[in-house]
Amino acid sequence: MPIILWKLVFILLTTTVIGIFSCCYSNVIPEGDPNIPAIAKYFCTKGRYEEVNPYLIQDILAVNRSILKPPSARCRQIHLTAIIRHGTRYPTAKNVQKMQKLYELVRSSATAKHSWLQEIQTQWKMWYTEEMDGRLVQKGVDDHKHLAIRLSKLFPSMISEEKLRGRLIKFITSSKHRCINSTLSFQAGLTELWNIKDMEFDHAVNDALMRFFDQCDRFVQEVEKNPSALTEVDKFKQGPEMKRVQQKIADRLGVPYDLITDDMAEAAFYMCAYEFAIKTVNSPWCHLFDEVDAQVMEYAIDLKQFWKRGYGHDINSKSSCILFHDAFSRLDQAVAESKSDQPVTEAVTVQVGHAETLLPLLTLLGFFKDNNTLMSTNYASQTQRSFRTSCMLPYAANLLLVLYDCGRDGLRLQPLLNEKPVAFPGLNDQQASMPLYQDVREHYKHLLRGCDFETECRLFTNPTDA
């Protein structure tokens, strides 16, 4: 085939890929805003919440209550469980080390004559330190303050001053600083909203619930500490798509190809992502990637999340059994109290954890499961995948389970992800986004009867123990 024709085919394929990748967003991100990197929608778990809900860029406190759509006017909310990821944070010490190496390489060896590169070499200073190590930034404080206010507007009968003062809103958090500070920020959003100065509100630290993955021995042994568990990730990093990205970065910097490793490419991608998430700056580091490159980087990160926290290994999701049962026990209690005409004693539960808390639970519930497994060799066929952490798990990502008493229409449960209604996978109902609670329990009965954390996470010492 002539070279010109090959180039035309490449352009057409590239254009198609970009169009498909953008289609998971229900709202259009503002075009041409010089403060927003063109690749911002591919930042995976390092992405801003605003890229998932772009209407918040114009009004950070905007809500649309019409999306809830209960089946009748008789429906009233009786319980809300909110499982929330911490807000925007600094990079971890491990990522800071990688970024420092990249910065030193660019300062010492880059020879290309780009204005943005000269800006990095002469003006940009390495301000990240290992001591930051994943701590919450001011943007992360604002993430949770604003989320608290929006949820109080979305569910005014549940997240109310009366219920907060009555201590009917319970707060549970991971022990990590970023989660504790996110919890305090969520509380501050409410107390400042209602000008509450005469009371203080506590929180419970519970790593068994919010960091279950650390306490699941089988997950730690078979996945976390097992290099072969991420074989597909390693293969993709050595594959043609990633090699091409590395070569393009080297070309843009004017350095030999062998100086840009997959770690360097990841560090450059994160440098752009962190600058934007933390400072809302379209950093000169972002010039190292075009949109095609960003899609490859996003897939590499999604591949890791898939095999380490998602559908890649069964124990990934089963490690969240304890959180699954905790959520349904709260719902069951609210149902029992409502049926006996008693006041619901725990109106709202706010649980703050990590991306690693949410993803296994979403996987256990069956969300974002594609027909084909994500592999190192099927990047081109996965452009329409639903498993995209850029859409699922930005900073302050949240899964909401809202229980309604609808009188003659029964008790119903509505799941929302990042403030948008979603349907329980595989559950067919006329009210798909708000099915009968008993139908939800029937759908997940295999997990409610089984899925025991201690059993699933027990290490087998020899094959006969299995």
Protein backbone atom coordinates (compact mmCIF):
# COMPACT_ATOMS: atom_id res chain seq x y z
CA MET A 1 0.00 0.00 0.00
CA PRO A 2 1.44 3.47 -0.87
CA ILE A 3 2.82 5.50 2.04
CA ILE A 4 0.33 8.34 1.45
CA LEU A 5 -2.58 5.89 1.72
CA TRP A 6 -1.17 4.44 4.92
CA LYS A 7 -0.99 7.97 6.38
CA LEU A 8 -4.60 8.62 5.40
CA VAL A 9 -5.72 5.38 7.07
CA PHE A 10 -3.78 6.34 10.23
CA ILE A 11 -5.43 9.79 10.36
CA LEU A 12 -8.90 8.28 9.92
CA LEU A 13 -8.28 5.67 12.63
CA THR A 14 -6.87 8.28 14.98
CA THR A 15 -9.86 10.57 14.47
CA THR A 16 -12.24 7.67 15.06
CA VAL A 17 -10.46 6.65 18.26
CA ILE A 18 -10.58 10.20 19.65
CA GLY A 19 -14.30 10.44 18.93
CA ILE A 20 -15.05 7.10 20.57
CA PHE A 21 -12.96 7.83 23.65
CA SER A 22 -14.82 11.08 24.25
CA CYS A 23 -18.26 9.48 24.17
CA CYS A 24 -18.33 8.23 27.78
CA TYR A 25 -18.87 11.79 28.96
CA SER A 26 -22.49 12.83 29.18
CA ASN A 27 -21.58 16.50 29.09
CA VAL A 28 -19.27 18.34 26.74
CA ILE A 29 -16.11 19.73 28.29
CA PRO A 30 -15.70 23.39 27.26
CA GLU A 31 -13.58 23.60 24.14
CA GLY A 32 -10.72 26.01 23.76
CA ASP A 33 -10.29 26.92 27.42
CA PRO A 34 -6.55 27.64 27.63
CA ASN A 35 -6.54 26.74 31.33
CA ILE A 36 -7.72 23.18 30.69
CA PRO A 37 -5.26 20.73 29.06
CA ALA A 38 -6.68 19.06 25.97
CA ILE A 39 -5.83 15.70 27.56
CA ALA A 40 -7.49 16.42 30.94
CA LYS A 41 -10.27 13.89 30.36
CA TYR A 42 -7.75 11.02 30.28
CA PHE A 43 -6.15 11.50 33.71
CA CYS A 44 -7.76 8.40 35.28
CA THR A 45 -7.60 8.46 39.09
CA LYS A 46 -5.59 11.70 38.95
CA GLY A 47 -8.45 13.56 37.26
CA ARG A 48 -10.58 16.41 38.58
CA TYR A 49 -14.19 15.74 39.53
CA GLU A 50 -15.13 18.63 37.23
CA GLU A 51 -14.04 16.69 34.12
CA VAL A 52 -16.62 14.01 34.93
CA ASN A 53 -19.31 16.65 35.61
CA PRO A 54 -18.28 19.60 33.39
CA TYR A 55 -21.30 21.73 34.36
CA LEU A 56 -19.50 22.25 37.69
CA ILE A 57 -16.81 24.25 35.91
CA GLN A 58 -19.34 27.07 35.56
CA ASP A 59 -21.07 26.55 38.92
CA ILE A 60 -19.38 24.31 41.48
CA LEU A 61 -22.57 24.10 43.57
CA ALA A 62 -24.94 23.25 40.70
CA VAL A 63 -27.38 20.34 41.18
CA ASN A 64 -30.30 18.97 39.20
CA ARG A 65 -32.84 17.28 41.46
CA SER A 66 -34.95 16.21 38.47
CA ILE A 67 -32.46 13.39 37.77
CA LEU A 68 -33.73 11.48 40.84
CA LYS A 69 -37.15 10.75 39.27
CA PRO A 70 -38.95 8.72 41.98
CA PRO A 71 -41.87 6.65 40.62
CA SER A 72 -44.48 8.65 42.53
CA ALA A 73 -44.95 11.72 44.70
CA ARG A 74 -45.46 9.36 47.67
CA CYS A 75 -41.76 8.43 47.66
CA ARG A 76 -39.70 9.80 50.53
CA GLN A 77 -36.02 9.26 51.17
CA ILE A 78 -35.35 7.35 54.40
CA HIS A 79 -31.65 6.49 54.23
CA LEU A 80 -28.55 7.50 52.28
CA THR A 81 -25.19 5.73 52.27
CA ALA A 82 -22.39 7.70 50.59
CA ILE A 83 -19.08 5.94 49.93
CA ILE A 84 -16.66 8.67 48.84
CA ARG A 85 -13.06 8.84 47.71
CA HIS A 86 -10.83 11.45 49.33
CA GLY A 87 -10.31 14.77 47.57
CA THR A 88 -7.41 16.00 45.44
CA ARG A 89 -4.05 15.13 46.98
CA TYR A 90 -0.33 15.59 46.49
CA PRO A 91 1.58 12.81 44.69
CA THR A 92 2.91 9.94 46.78
CA ALA A 93 6.60 9.82 47.67
CA LYS A 94 7.13 7.09 45.06
CA ASN A 95 5.68 9.27 42.29
CA VAL A 96 7.65 12.31 43.49
CA GLN A 97 10.87 10.30 43.06
CA LYS A 98 9.93 9.42 39.46
CA MET A 99 8.99 13.03 38.72
CA GLN A 100 12.28 14.27 40.17
CA LYS A 101 14.23 11.98 37.81
CA LEU A 102 12.28 13.25 34.82
CA TYR A 103 12.80 16.86 35.86
CA GLU A 104 16.55 16.33 36.20
CA LEU A 105 16.68 14.64 32.79
CA VAL A 106 14.83 17.52 31.12
CA ARG A 107 17.01 20.14 32.83
CA SER A 108 20.27 18.41 31.90
CA SER A 109 19.65 16.72 28.55
CA ALA A 110 16.69 18.18 26.61
CA THR A 111 17.90 19.94 23.45
CA ALA A 112 14.71 20.70 21.48
CA LYS A 113 13.89 24.39 20.90
CA HIS A 114 10.31 24.75 22.12
CA SER A 115 9.11 27.73 24.11
CA TRP A 116 7.29 25.44 26.55
CA LEU A 117 10.45 23.40 27.04
CA GLN A 118 12.49 26.51 27.71
CA GLU A 119 9.86 27.47 30.28
CA ILE A 120 10.39 24.15 32.08
CA GLN A 121 14.18 24.52 31.95
CA THR A 122 14.37 28.15 33.06
CA GLN A 123 11.21 28.99 35.03
CA TRP A 124 9.51 25.85 36.33
CA LYS A 125 10.87 24.67 39.68
CA MET A 126 10.47 21.20 41.16
CA TRP A 127 8.21 21.99 44.10
CA TYR A 128 6.99 18.50 44.96
CA THR A 129 8.69 16.86 47.95
CA GLU A 130 8.54 13.32 49.29
CA GLU A 131 7.18 14.67 52.58
CA MET A 132 3.96 15.61 50.79
CA ASP A 133 3.31 11.87 50.27
CA GLY A 134 -0.33 11.88 49.24
CA ARG A 135 -1.62 14.47 51.69
CA LEU A 136 -4.77 16.45 50.93
CA VAL A 137 -4.31 19.78 49.15
CA GLN A 138 -6.56 22.87 49.40
CA LYS A 139 -8.39 21.79 46.24
CA GLY A 140 -9.15 18.49 48.02
CA VAL A 141 -10.60 20.39 50.98
CA ASP A 142 -12.81 22.32 48.56
CA ASP A 143 -13.78 19.09 46.74
CA HIS A 144 -15.43 17.73 49.87
CA LYS A 145 -16.86 21.02 51.12
CA HIS A 146 -18.56 21.58 47.78
CA LEU A 147 -19.71 17.95 47.53
CA ALA A 148 -21.31 18.22 50.98
CA ILE A 149 -23.23 21.35 49.95
CA ARG A 150 -24.36 19.81 46.65
CA LEU A 151 -25.58 16.64 48.37
CA SER A 152 -27.47 18.73 50.93
CA LYS A 153 -29.21 20.45 47.99
CA LEU A 154 -29.80 17.16 46.16
CA PHE A 155 -31.15 15.38 49.28
CA PRO A 156 -32.45 18.21 51.52
CA SER A 157 -34.62 15.94 53.66
CA MET A 158 -31.66 13.66 54.43
CA ILE A 159 -28.60 15.88 54.68
CA SER A 160 -30.20 18.60 56.75
CA GLU A 161 -29.22 20.82 59.66
CA GLU A 162 -31.79 19.05 61.84
CA LYS A 163 -30.36 15.60 61.12
CA LEU A 164 -26.78 16.79 61.57
CA ARG A 165 -27.58 18.41 64.92
CA GLY A 166 -29.53 15.28 65.88
CA ARG A 167 -26.42 13.19 65.11
CA LEU A 168 -28.35 11.14 62.60
CA ILE A 169 -25.50 11.58 60.10
CA LYS A 170 -22.62 9.19 60.80
CA PHE A 171 -19.06 9.68 59.53
CA ILE A 172 -16.57 6.85 58.96
CA THR A 173 -13.12 7.23 57.45
CA SER A 174 -9.88 5.49 56.55
CA SER A 175 -6.97 6.29 58.85
CA LYS A 176 -5.00 8.05 56.11
CA HIS A 177 -4.56 11.81 56.59
CA ARG A 178 -6.13 12.58 53.20
CA CYS A 179 -9.29 10.68 54.17
CA ILE A 180 -9.57 12.09 57.68
CA ASN A 181 -9.06 15.62 56.34
CA SER A 182 -11.60 14.98 53.57
CA THR A 183 -14.11 13.89 56.23
CA LEU A 184 -13.43 17.02 58.27
CA SER A 185 -13.83 19.09 55.09
CA PHE A 186 -17.19 17.45 54.33
CA GLN A 187 -18.34 18.26 57.87
CA ALA A 188 -17.03 21.83 57.51
CA GLY A 189 -19.01 22.26 54.30
CA LEU A 190 -22.20 21.53 56.25
CA THR A 191 -21.39 23.47 59.42
CA GLU A 192 -20.38 26.52 57.41
CA LEU A 193 -23.50 26.21 55.24
CA TRP A 194 -25.75 26.28 58.31
CA ASN A 195 -23.44 28.46 60.43
CA ILE A 196 -23.22 25.83 63.16
CA LYS A 197 -20.75 27.04 65.79
CA ASP A 198 -22.15 25.56 68.99
CA MET A 199 -21.50 21.88 68.18
CA GLU A 200 -18.67 19.64 67.02
CA PHE A 201 -19.08 16.37 65.14
CA ASP A 202 -16.98 13.27 65.46
CA HIS A 203 -15.96 10.55 63.05
CA ALA A 204 -14.95 6.91 63.37
CA VAL A 205 -11.70 5.62 61.90
CA ASN A 206 -12.35 2.14 60.49
CA ASP A 207 -9.70 0.62 58.24
CA ALA A 208 -11.43 -2.77 58.30
CA LEU A 209 -14.17 -1.14 56.19
CA MET A 210 -12.36 1.58 54.27
CA ARG A 211 -8.97 -0.13 53.73
CA PHE A 212 -10.18 -3.73 53.57
CA PHE A 213 -7.62 -4.46 50.85
CA ASP A 214 -4.76 -4.15 53.35
CA GLN A 215 -6.38 -6.72 55.63
CA CYS A 216 -7.30 -9.31 53.00
CA ASP A 217 -4.38 -11.78 53.21
CA ARG A 218 -5.26 -13.56 49.99
CA PHE A 219 -5.40 -10.31 48.02
CA VAL A 220 -2.09 -9.12 49.49
CA GLN A 221 -0.36 -12.40 48.70
CA GLU A 222 -1.92 -13.30 45.33
CA VAL A 223 -2.17 -9.81 43.81
CA GLU A 224 -0.47 -7.02 45.77
CA LYS A 225 2.83 -8.88 46.29
CA ASN A 226 2.62 -11.14 43.23
CA PRO A 227 4.49 -9.72 40.19
CA SER A 228 2.80 -12.18 37.83
CA ALA A 229 -0.63 -10.77 38.77
CA LEU A 230 0.10 -7.75 36.55
CA THR A 231 1.71 -9.59 33.63
CA GLU A 232 -0.66 -7.94 31.14
CA VAL A 233 0.32 -4.50 32.41
CA ASP A 234 4.02 -5.27 32.01
CA LYS A 235 3.46 -6.60 28.49
CA PHE A 236 1.57 -3.47 27.46
CA LYS A 237 4.32 -1.23 28.83
CA GLN A 238 6.77 -3.06 26.56
CA GLY A 239 4.36 -3.11 23.62
CA PRO A 240 4.27 -1.02 20.44
CA GLU A 241 1.70 1.54 21.62
CA MET A 242 3.70 2.53 24.71
CA LYS A 243 7.01 2.42 22.84
CA ARG A 244 5.61 4.89 20.32
CA VAL A 245 4.52 7.26 23.09
CA GLN A 246 8.00 7.08 24.65
CA GLN A 247 9.62 7.81 21.29
CA LYS A 248 7.37 10.81 20.71
CA ILE A 249 8.26 12.19 24.16
CA ALA A 250 11.96 11.72 23.36
CA ASP A 251 11.50 13.50 20.02
CA ARG A 252 9.73 16.42 21.70
CA LEU A 253 12.53 16.73 24.25
CA GLY A 254 15.34 16.11 21.79
CA VAL A 255 16.88 13.22 23.75
CA PRO A 256 17.86 9.66 22.75
CA TYR A 257 15.01 7.14 22.76
CA ASP A 258 16.61 4.93 25.38
CA LEU A 259 16.46 7.70 28.00
CA ILE A 260 12.65 7.69 28.09
CA THR A 261 11.41 4.62 29.96
CA ASP A 262 7.80 3.71 30.67
CA ASP A 263 8.32 5.12 34.18
CA MET A 264 9.48 8.41 32.64
CA ALA A 265 6.42 8.53 30.41
CA GLU A 266 4.15 7.90 33.40
CA ALA A 267 5.97 10.57 35.43
CA ALA A 268 5.49 13.10 32.62
CA PHE A 269 1.78 12.25 32.37
CA TYR A 270 1.33 12.63 36.11
CA MET A 271 3.32 15.88 36.10
CA CYS A 272 0.70 17.35 33.76
CA ALA A 273 -2.17 15.81 35.74
CA TYR A 274 -1.03 16.95 39.19
CA GLU A 275 -0.27 20.50 38.07
CA PHE A 276 -3.81 20.75 36.70
CA ALA A 277 -5.62 19.00 39.56
CA ILE A 278 -3.79 20.85 42.33
CA LYS A 279 -3.23 24.29 40.81
CA THR A 280 -5.69 24.39 37.87
CA VAL A 281 -2.68 25.12 35.66
CA ASN A 282 -2.26 23.99 32.06
CA SER A 283 1.36 23.06 32.68
CA PRO A 284 4.11 23.13 30.03
CA TRP A 285 4.60 19.43 30.89
CA CYS A 286 1.29 18.76 29.10
CA HIS A 287 2.98 19.54 25.75
CA LEU A 288 4.75 16.18 25.97
CA PHE A 289 1.48 14.44 24.99
CA ASP A 290 -1.09 14.71 22.24
CA GLU A 291 -4.53 13.16 22.57
CA VAL A 292 -3.52 9.84 21.00
CA ASP A 293 -0.65 9.55 23.48
CA ALA A 294 -2.99 10.33 26.38
CA GLN A 295 -5.37 7.57 25.31
CA VAL A 296 -2.50 5.07 25.40
CA MET A 297 -1.42 6.30 28.83
CA GLU A 298 -4.99 6.07 30.07
CA TYR A 299 -5.26 2.48 28.84
CA ALA A 300 -2.00 1.53 30.58
CA ILE A 301 -3.37 2.90 33.87
CA ASP A 302 -6.80 1.31 33.35
CA LEU A 303 -5.11 -2.00 32.61
CA LYS A 304 -3.31 -1.82 35.96
CA GLN A 305 -6.51 -0.93 37.80
CA PHE A 306 -8.39 -3.73 36.01
CA TRP A 307 -5.89 -6.40 37.04
CA LYS A 308 -5.07 -5.03 40.50
CA ARG A 309 -8.46 -3.78 41.73
CA GLY A 310 -11.08 -4.72 39.13
CA TYR A 311 -12.20 -7.75 37.16
CA GLY A 312 -8.72 -9.16 36.50
CA HIS A 313 -8.68 -11.39 39.59
CA ASP A 314 -11.70 -12.64 41.55
CA ILE A 315 -10.20 -11.77 44.93
CA ASN A 316 -9.97 -8.09 43.93
CA SER A 317 -13.72 -7.63 44.26
CA LYS A 318 -14.23 -10.29 46.95
CA SER A 319 -11.91 -8.33 49.23
CA SER A 320 -14.73 -5.74 49.48
CA CYS A 321 -17.25 -8.25 50.89
CA ILE A 322 -17.03 -6.60 54.31
CA LEU A 323 -17.99 -3.18 52.88
CA PHE A 324 -20.75 -4.76 50.78
CA HIS A 325 -22.33 -6.42 53.81
CA ASP A 326 -21.92 -3.27 55.88
CA ALA A 327 -23.86 -1.22 53.32
CA PHE A 328 -26.70 -3.75 53.09
CA SER A 329 -26.92 -4.15 56.88
CA ARG A 330 -27.50 -0.39 57.14
CA LEU A 331 -30.13 -0.55 54.42
CA ASP A 332 -31.81 -3.55 56.09
CA GLN A 333 -31.91 -1.70 59.40
CA ALA A 334 -33.52 1.35 57.77
CA VAL A 335 -36.06 -0.91 56.04
CA ALA A 336 -36.95 -2.66 59.29
CA GLU A 337 -37.35 0.62 61.16
CA SER A 338 -39.46 2.11 58.38
CA LYS A 339 -41.75 -0.94 58.19
CA SER A 340 -42.35 -0.81 61.93
CA ASP A 341 -43.09 2.93 61.76
CA GLN A 342 -40.04 3.78 63.84
CA PRO A 343 -37.74 6.70 63.05
CA VAL A 344 -34.67 5.70 61.06
CA THR A 345 -31.81 5.93 63.54
CA GLU A 346 -29.06 6.38 60.97
CA ALA A 347 -30.40 8.64 58.25
CA VAL A 348 -27.08 9.19 56.46
CA THR A 349 -23.77 7.36 56.51
CA VAL A 350 -20.76 9.14 54.98
CA GLN A 351 -17.81 6.79 54.46
CA VAL A 352 -14.55 8.24 53.13
CA GLY A 353 -11.91 6.01 51.60
CA HIS A 354 -9.82 5.57 48.48
CA ALA A 355 -10.09 4.71 44.79
CA GLU A 356 -8.98 1.26 45.98
CA THR A 357 -12.04 1.22 48.25
CA LEU A 358 -14.57 2.10 45.57
CA LEU A 359 -13.31 0.12 42.59
CA PRO A 360 -13.48 -3.37 44.16
CA LEU A 361 -17.00 -2.62 45.43
CA LEU A 362 -18.16 -1.34 42.03
CA THR A 363 -16.67 -4.50 40.52
CA LEU A 364 -18.40 -6.74 43.07
CA LEU A 365 -21.72 -5.08 42.18
CA GLY A 366 -21.04 -5.68 38.47
CA PHE A 367 -20.64 -2.10 37.26
CA PHE A 368 -18.53 -1.28 34.18
CA LYS A 369 -18.01 -4.89 33.12
CA ASP A 370 -17.15 -5.21 29.44
CA ASN A 371 -17.71 -8.25 27.25
CA ASN A 372 -13.99 -8.71 26.73
CA THR A 373 -11.17 -8.77 29.26
CA LEU A 374 -8.71 -5.88 29.09
CA MET A 375 -5.46 -7.31 27.76
CA SER A 376 -2.08 -6.06 26.58
CA THR A 377 -2.93 -7.04 23.01
CA ASN A 378 -6.44 -5.65 22.51
CA TYR A 379 -5.97 -1.90 23.00
CA ALA A 380 -7.43 -1.08 19.56
CA SER A 381 -10.62 -3.06 20.23
CA GLN A 382 -11.16 -1.56 23.69
CA THR A 383 -11.79 2.02 22.61
CA GLN A 384 -15.47 1.72 23.55
CA ARG A 385 -14.84 0.02 26.90
CA SER A 386 -16.96 1.05 29.85
CA PHE A 387 -14.13 0.31 32.30
CA ARG A 388 -12.54 3.76 32.31
CA THR A 389 -11.25 5.10 35.59
CA SER A 390 -11.22 8.63 34.15
CA CYS A 391 -15.03 8.46 34.22
CA MET A 392 -15.42 6.29 37.32
CA LEU A 393 -12.82 7.40 39.85
CA PRO A 394 -11.78 11.06 39.79
CA TYR A 395 -10.87 12.73 43.06
CA ALA A 396 -13.94 12.81 45.37
CA ALA A 397 -15.66 10.06 43.34
CA ASN A 398 -18.73 8.78 45.14
CA LEU A 399 -21.22 5.93 45.15
CA LEU A 400 -24.57 6.88 46.67
CA LEU A 401 -27.21 4.35 47.71
CA VAL A 402 -30.52 6.11 48.37
CA LEU A 403 -33.37 4.20 49.98
CA TYR A 404 -36.95 5.39 49.35
CA ASP A 405 -40.23 4.44 50.98
CA CYS A 406 -42.77 4.83 48.18
CA GLY A 407 -45.86 3.60 50.03
CA ARG A 408 -47.88 1.32 47.74
CA ASP A 409 -45.00 1.41 45.26
CA GLY A 410 -42.76 -0.28 47.81
CA LEU A 411 -39.28 0.34 49.18
CA ARG A 412 -36.88 1.29 46.41
CA LEU A 413 -33.13 1.75 46.11
CA GLN A 414 -31.44 4.21 43.78
CA PRO A 415 -27.70 4.04 43.07
CA LEU A 416 -25.86 7.13 41.86
CA LEU A 417 -22.23 7.37 40.79
CA ASN A 418 -20.64 10.80 40.92
CA GLU A 419 -24.09 12.37 41.41
CA LYS A 420 -25.58 10.70 38.33
CA PRO A 421 -28.14 7.86 38.48
CA VAL A 422 -26.91 4.48 37.29
CA ALA A 423 -28.72 1.14 36.99
CA PHE A 424 -27.71 -1.99 38.87
CA PRO A 425 -26.14 -4.23 36.20
CA GLY A 426 -28.33 -7.13 35.09
CA LEU A 427 -31.38 -5.96 37.00
CA ASN A 428 -34.36 -5.57 34.70
CA ASP A 429 -37.09 -3.34 36.07
CA GLN A 430 -39.45 -0.73 34.73
CA GLN A 431 -37.84 1.63 37.21
CA ALA A 432 -34.30 0.54 36.27
CA SER A 433 -32.53 3.29 38.16
CA MET A 434 -34.80 2.89 41.22
CA PRO A 435 -35.75 -0.80 41.55
CA LEU A 436 -37.60 -2.40 44.43
CA TYR A 437 -35.23 -3.01 47.32
CA GLN A 438 -36.35 -6.64 47.56
CA ASP A 439 -35.42 -7.12 43.88
CA VAL A 440 -31.96 -5.71 44.53
CA ARG A 441 -31.50 -8.09 47.47
CA GLU A 442 -32.71 -10.99 45.31
CA HIS A 443 -30.29 -10.00 42.55
CA TYR A 444 -27.36 -10.02 44.96
CA LYS A 445 -28.53 -12.94 47.12
CA HIS A 446 -25.46 -15.00 46.18
CA LEU A 447 -23.31 -12.28 47.73
CA LEU A 448 -25.60 -11.65 50.70
CA ARG A 449 -25.59 -15.35 51.57
CA GLY A 450 -21.93 -15.82 50.78
CA CYS A 451 -19.13 -13.35 50.15
CA ASP A 452 -17.75 -13.77 53.65
CA PHE A 453 -14.64 -11.63 54.08
CA GLU A 454 -12.83 -14.04 56.40
CA THR A 455 -13.48 -17.00 54.11
CA GLU A 456 -12.62 -15.21 50.87
CA CYS A 457 -9.44 -13.66 52.25
CA ARG A 458 -8.05 -16.74 53.97
CA LEU A 459 -4.76 -17.95 52.54
CA PHE A 460 -4.64 -21.60 51.55
CA THR A 461 -1.39 -23.16 52.74
CA ASN A 462 -1.59 -26.05 50.27
CA PRO A 463 -3.82 -27.10 47.35
CA THR A 464 -5.85 -29.58 49.47
CA ASP A 465 -7.02 -26.72 51.72
CA ALA A 466 -8.88 -25.18 48.78
